[in-house]
Amino acid sequence: MTALSYQLYSSRNFPPTRQTLKLLADTGYTQVEGFGGLIADLDDPGELRADMDAFGLSMPTTHIGLDAVEDTPDDVIALASTLGVKALFVPHLAAELRPDTADGWRAFGARLTKAGAPLRAAGLTFGWHNHDFEFEPGADAHPIDFILEGGGVDLAFEFDVAWCVRAGADPFPVIERYKDRLVSAHVKDIAPEGECLDEDGWADVGHGTMDWPAMIAALRGAGCEYFVMEHDNPNDATRFAQRSFASVSAM
């Protein structure tokens, strides 16, 4: 079975990290993914590494702010070494900073690749994680295409499939088109219309509308290495972690 990771952002409003790590290990997860707030607030990354080691967990991937990569790349590299991170992804761009032209998105992709050069020189993978704004329903090309085009082959891709679907785009051509740089995928689900409104319309994986068996098969066929479970706003993170793990394990 493919090793399953857990985006710790899903539990940001719930138990302390050590308790969360124990729950995840007891559930069967072997990997976790860090997020920007967690990483930025670490006083001693070695403590988190020790807690992960104690529960048999690793953190092969994390999200990281672009400002940290551009301003303090040596610190980012040292952090990755301490935590055992192999791949880092910038996860977001504020609305007021987003380009409004194809060339603007290409320039942003080139900026990402330039920022990641010291990380790649240190043996790390560096790339971009999408949301919905990188996709435009009905368009022949999307901002994600321009970002990855401008970034060149060195820019890796973590595909948040559910955000693509929520934007109204078809994820399968995206998986095929970027299979050579698709390193990681976020595995989350969309609730049926009108349901789970208190959870921003997201569902536990396997309990929503996404065809995850088909998508996991496509992602595996594309060589995707990391499968990261995520829910952006669960009202019960334990329920989400356990039910989602059970669903995907059965696939």
Protein backbone atom coordinates (compact mmCIF):
# COMPACT_ATOMS: atom_id res chain seq x y z
CA MET A 1 0.00 0.00 0.00
CA THR A 2 1.17 3.54 -0.72
CA ALA A 3 2.44 5.29 2.41
CA LEU A 4 -0.05 7.94 3.51
CA SER A 5 0.89 11.34 4.84
CA TYR A 6 -1.19 13.82 6.82
CA GLN A 7 -1.14 17.60 6.36
CA LEU A 8 -0.83 18.92 9.91
CA TYR A 9 -2.73 22.05 8.87
CA SER A 10 -5.84 19.86 9.15
CA SER A 11 -5.30 19.67 12.94
CA ARG A 12 -4.17 23.23 13.57
CA ASN A 13 -7.27 23.99 15.71
CA PHE A 14 -7.10 20.79 17.76
CA PRO A 15 -4.72 18.90 20.07
CA PRO A 16 -1.08 19.86 20.65
CA THR A 17 1.28 18.55 18.03
CA ARG A 18 2.67 15.66 20.08
CA GLN A 19 -0.84 14.36 20.82
CA THR A 20 -1.72 14.72 17.14
CA LEU A 21 1.39 12.80 16.10
CA LYS A 22 0.49 9.94 18.45
CA LEU A 23 -3.05 9.79 17.07
CA LEU A 24 -1.75 9.70 13.51
CA ALA A 25 0.77 6.96 14.25
CA ASP A 26 -1.87 4.91 16.08
CA THR A 27 -4.17 5.32 13.05
CA GLY A 28 -1.52 3.98 10.69
CA TYR A 29 0.02 7.06 9.10
CA THR A 30 3.77 6.95 8.61
CA GLN A 31 4.31 10.48 7.27
CA VAL A 32 3.19 14.02 8.01
CA GLU A 33 3.47 17.28 6.07
CA GLY A 34 4.32 20.57 7.73
CA PHE A 35 2.60 23.89 7.03
CA GLY A 36 3.85 27.44 7.06
CA GLY A 37 2.50 28.51 10.44
CA LEU A 38 3.86 25.44 12.18
CA ILE A 39 7.27 25.72 10.56
CA ALA A 40 7.60 29.46 11.18
CA ASP A 41 6.69 29.13 14.87
CA LEU A 42 9.13 26.35 15.74
CA ASP A 43 11.46 27.42 18.54
CA ASP A 44 13.40 24.18 18.32
CA PRO A 45 12.83 22.06 15.21
CA GLY A 46 14.79 19.29 16.91
CA GLU A 47 11.96 18.82 19.41
CA LEU A 48 9.46 18.21 16.62
CA ARG A 49 11.89 15.82 14.96
CA ALA A 50 12.31 13.93 18.24
CA ASP A 51 8.54 13.65 18.65
CA MET A 52 8.15 12.36 15.10
CA ASP A 53 10.93 9.83 15.64
CA ALA A 54 9.28 8.67 18.87
CA PHE A 55 6.10 7.78 16.99
CA GLY A 56 7.77 6.38 13.88
CA LEU A 57 6.74 9.29 11.67
CA SER A 58 8.71 11.20 9.04
CA MET A 59 8.14 14.56 7.35
CA PRO A 60 9.31 14.11 3.75
CA THR A 61 7.39 17.18 2.56
CA THR A 62 6.46 20.58 3.95
CA HIS A 63 4.95 23.85 2.88
CA ILE A 64 7.15 26.91 3.20
CA GLY A 65 6.66 30.62 2.65
CA LEU A 66 8.24 32.13 -0.44
CA ASP A 67 9.64 34.97 1.67
CA ALA A 68 11.61 32.50 3.79
CA VAL A 69 13.01 30.78 0.69
CA GLU A 70 14.02 34.08 -0.89
CA ASP A 71 15.29 35.83 2.25
CA THR A 72 16.88 33.06 4.34
CA PRO A 73 17.56 30.02 2.13
CA ASP A 74 20.36 28.75 4.39
CA ASP A 75 17.95 28.67 7.34
CA VAL A 76 15.39 26.81 5.26
CA ILE A 77 18.00 24.25 4.22
CA ALA A 78 19.07 23.76 7.84
CA LEU A 79 15.44 23.36 8.92
CA ALA A 80 14.85 20.76 6.23
CA SER A 81 17.93 18.86 7.35
CA THR A 82 16.78 18.81 10.97
CA LEU A 83 13.26 17.67 10.12
CA GLY A 84 14.29 15.22 7.41
CA VAL A 85 12.34 17.10 4.72
CA LYS A 86 13.07 16.16 1.12
CA ALA A 87 10.62 18.40 -0.78
CA LEU A 88 9.33 21.89 -0.03
CA PHE A 89 6.35 23.61 -1.67
CA VAL A 90 5.24 27.23 -1.64
CA PRO A 91 1.48 26.89 -1.07
CA HIS A 92 -0.19 30.21 -1.80
CA LEU A 93 -0.07 33.72 -3.21
CA ALA A 94 -2.25 36.46 -1.72
CA ALA A 95 -4.99 37.72 -4.03
CA GLU A 96 -3.56 41.23 -4.27
CA LEU A 97 -0.21 39.83 -5.45
CA ARG A 98 -1.56 37.58 -8.19
CA PRO A 99 -0.72 38.41 -11.81
CA ASP A 100 -3.55 38.97 -14.24
CA THR A 101 -1.76 37.96 -17.45
CA ALA A 102 -0.13 34.81 -18.78
CA ASP A 103 3.23 36.56 -18.91
CA GLY A 104 2.80 37.65 -15.31
CA TRP A 105 2.23 34.07 -14.20
CA ARG A 106 5.22 32.93 -16.26
CA ALA A 107 7.37 35.51 -14.51
CA PHE A 108 6.09 34.26 -11.16
CA GLY A 109 7.07 30.72 -12.14
CA ALA A 110 10.55 31.95 -13.06
CA ARG A 111 10.75 33.72 -9.70
CA LEU A 112 9.91 30.49 -7.90
CA THR A 113 12.59 28.58 -9.79
CA LYS A 114 15.21 31.26 -9.06
CA ALA A 115 14.27 31.26 -5.36
CA GLY A 116 14.57 27.48 -5.18
CA ALA A 117 18.06 27.31 -6.72
CA PRO A 118 19.93 27.17 -3.36
CA LEU A 119 17.56 24.46 -2.12
CA ARG A 120 18.05 22.37 -5.24
CA ALA A 121 21.82 22.81 -4.90
CA ALA A 122 21.47 21.32 -1.41
CA GLY A 123 19.72 18.26 -2.87
CA LEU A 124 16.16 19.31 -2.05
CA THR A 125 13.08 19.31 -4.28
CA PHE A 126 11.28 22.66 -4.51
CA GLY A 127 7.99 23.58 -6.11
CA TRP A 128 4.48 24.97 -6.07
CA HIS A 129 1.22 23.82 -4.46
CA ASN A 130 -2.02 24.97 -6.10
CA HIS A 131 -5.38 26.18 -4.88
CA ASP A 132 -8.37 27.04 -7.09
CA PHE A 133 -7.18 30.36 -8.52
CA GLU A 134 -4.65 28.62 -10.77
CA PHE A 135 -7.50 27.06 -12.77
CA GLU A 136 -10.11 28.72 -14.97
CA PRO A 137 -13.17 26.70 -16.03
CA GLY A 138 -13.37 26.19 -19.77
CA ALA A 139 -9.99 27.72 -20.54
CA ASP A 140 -7.53 25.97 -22.84
CA ALA A 141 -4.65 27.04 -20.57
CA HIS A 142 -4.65 27.96 -16.90
CA PRO A 143 -2.40 30.00 -14.60
CA ILE A 144 -0.93 26.72 -13.35
CA ASP A 145 0.26 26.02 -16.91
CA PHE A 146 1.95 29.40 -17.11
CA ILE A 147 3.53 29.02 -13.65
CA LEU A 148 5.02 25.65 -14.50
CA GLU A 149 5.99 26.81 -17.99
CA GLY A 150 7.78 29.85 -16.60
CA GLY A 151 9.36 27.78 -13.85
CA GLY A 152 10.85 25.25 -16.22
CA VAL A 153 11.62 21.62 -15.54
CA ASP A 154 13.27 22.38 -12.20
CA LEU A 155 9.99 23.51 -10.60
CA ALA A 156 8.20 20.59 -8.94
CA PHE A 157 4.44 20.34 -8.46
CA GLU A 158 2.29 19.31 -5.53
CA PHE A 159 -1.20 18.85 -6.94
CA ASP A 160 -4.16 19.69 -4.70
CA VAL A 161 -6.66 17.76 -6.77
CA ALA A 162 -9.79 18.83 -4.92
CA TRP A 163 -9.06 22.53 -5.38
CA CYS A 164 -8.72 21.90 -9.11
CA VAL A 165 -12.09 20.13 -9.16
CA ARG A 166 -13.71 22.81 -7.02
CA ALA A 167 -12.52 25.37 -9.59
CA GLY A 168 -14.41 23.43 -12.27
CA ALA A 169 -11.39 21.94 -14.06
CA ASP A 170 -10.68 18.33 -14.98
CA PRO A 171 -7.76 16.95 -12.93
CA PHE A 172 -6.90 14.00 -15.17
CA PRO A 173 -5.31 16.02 -18.01
CA VAL A 174 -3.33 17.94 -15.39
CA ILE A 175 -1.96 14.70 -13.94
CA GLU A 176 -0.96 13.48 -17.39
CA ARG A 177 0.50 16.80 -18.52
CA TYR A 178 2.73 17.24 -15.47
CA LYS A 179 3.57 13.65 -14.60
CA ASP A 180 7.29 14.35 -14.99
CA ARG A 181 7.27 16.89 -12.15
CA LEU A 182 4.26 15.79 -10.08
CA VAL A 183 5.95 14.83 -6.81
CA SER A 184 3.11 15.00 -4.30
CA ALA A 185 -0.68 15.20 -4.19
CA HIS A 186 -3.16 16.39 -1.61
CA VAL A 187 -5.92 13.88 -1.04
CA LYS A 188 -9.11 15.55 0.15
CA ASP A 189 -12.78 15.42 -0.71
CA ILE A 190 -15.66 17.71 -1.64
CA ALA A 191 -18.99 17.28 0.13
CA PRO A 192 -22.22 17.02 -1.86
CA GLU A 193 -23.77 20.40 -2.54
CA GLY A 194 -25.40 21.83 0.57
CA GLU A 195 -23.67 19.45 2.98
CA CYS A 196 -20.84 20.04 5.48
CA LEU A 197 -21.36 23.78 5.28
CA ASP A 198 -19.81 24.17 8.73
CA GLU A 199 -16.66 22.58 7.24
CA ASP A 200 -16.51 24.89 4.23
CA GLY A 201 -18.01 22.20 2.02
CA TRP A 202 -15.14 19.73 2.44
CA ALA A 203 -15.69 16.09 3.38
CA ASP A 204 -13.64 13.27 4.85
CA VAL A 205 -11.85 11.45 2.05
CA GLY A 206 -14.09 8.73 0.62
CA HIS A 207 -17.22 10.39 2.01
CA GLY A 208 -17.63 13.07 -0.64
CA THR A 209 -18.05 13.39 -4.39
CA MET A 210 -14.47 12.88 -5.62
CA ASP A 211 -13.63 9.72 -7.58
CA TRP A 212 -10.56 8.99 -5.49
CA PRO A 213 -10.00 5.38 -6.63
CA ALA A 214 -9.60 6.58 -10.22
CA MET A 215 -7.52 9.59 -9.24
CA ILE A 216 -5.18 7.61 -7.01
CA ALA A 217 -4.67 5.16 -9.86
CA ALA A 218 -3.85 8.05 -12.22
CA LEU A 219 -1.49 9.65 -9.70
CA ARG A 220 0.31 6.38 -9.10
CA GLY A 221 0.61 5.89 -12.85
CA ALA A 222 2.17 9.35 -13.09
CA GLY A 223 4.79 8.41 -10.51
CA CYS A 224 3.43 10.60 -7.71
CA GLU A 225 5.50 9.80 -4.62
CA TYR A 226 3.60 11.38 -1.72
CA PHE A 227 -0.12 11.19 -0.92
CA VAL A 228 -1.07 13.78 1.70
CA MET A 229 -4.47 13.67 3.39
CA GLU A 230 -5.96 17.10 4.03
CA HIS A 231 -9.14 18.78 5.17
CA ASP A 232 -9.06 22.58 5.25
CA ASN A 233 -11.58 22.99 8.07
CA PRO A 234 -12.71 19.78 9.83
CA ASN A 235 -14.92 20.15 12.88
CA ASP A 236 -13.40 16.91 14.20
CA ALA A 237 -9.81 16.28 13.12
CA THR A 238 -9.69 12.84 14.75
CA ARG A 239 -12.73 11.72 12.77
CA PHE A 240 -11.23 13.11 9.58
CA ALA A 241 -7.85 11.46 10.13
CA GLN A 242 -9.28 8.05 10.97
CA ARG A 243 -12.12 7.84 8.45
CA SER A 244 -9.96 9.16 5.62
CA PHE A 245 -7.15 6.73 6.37
CA ALA A 246 -9.63 3.84 6.39
CA SER A 247 -11.19 4.94 3.09
CA VAL A 248 -7.94 5.38 1.19
CA SER A 249 -6.42 2.21 2.63
CA ALA A 250 -9.39 0.32 1.23
CA MET A 251 -8.74 1.76 -2.24
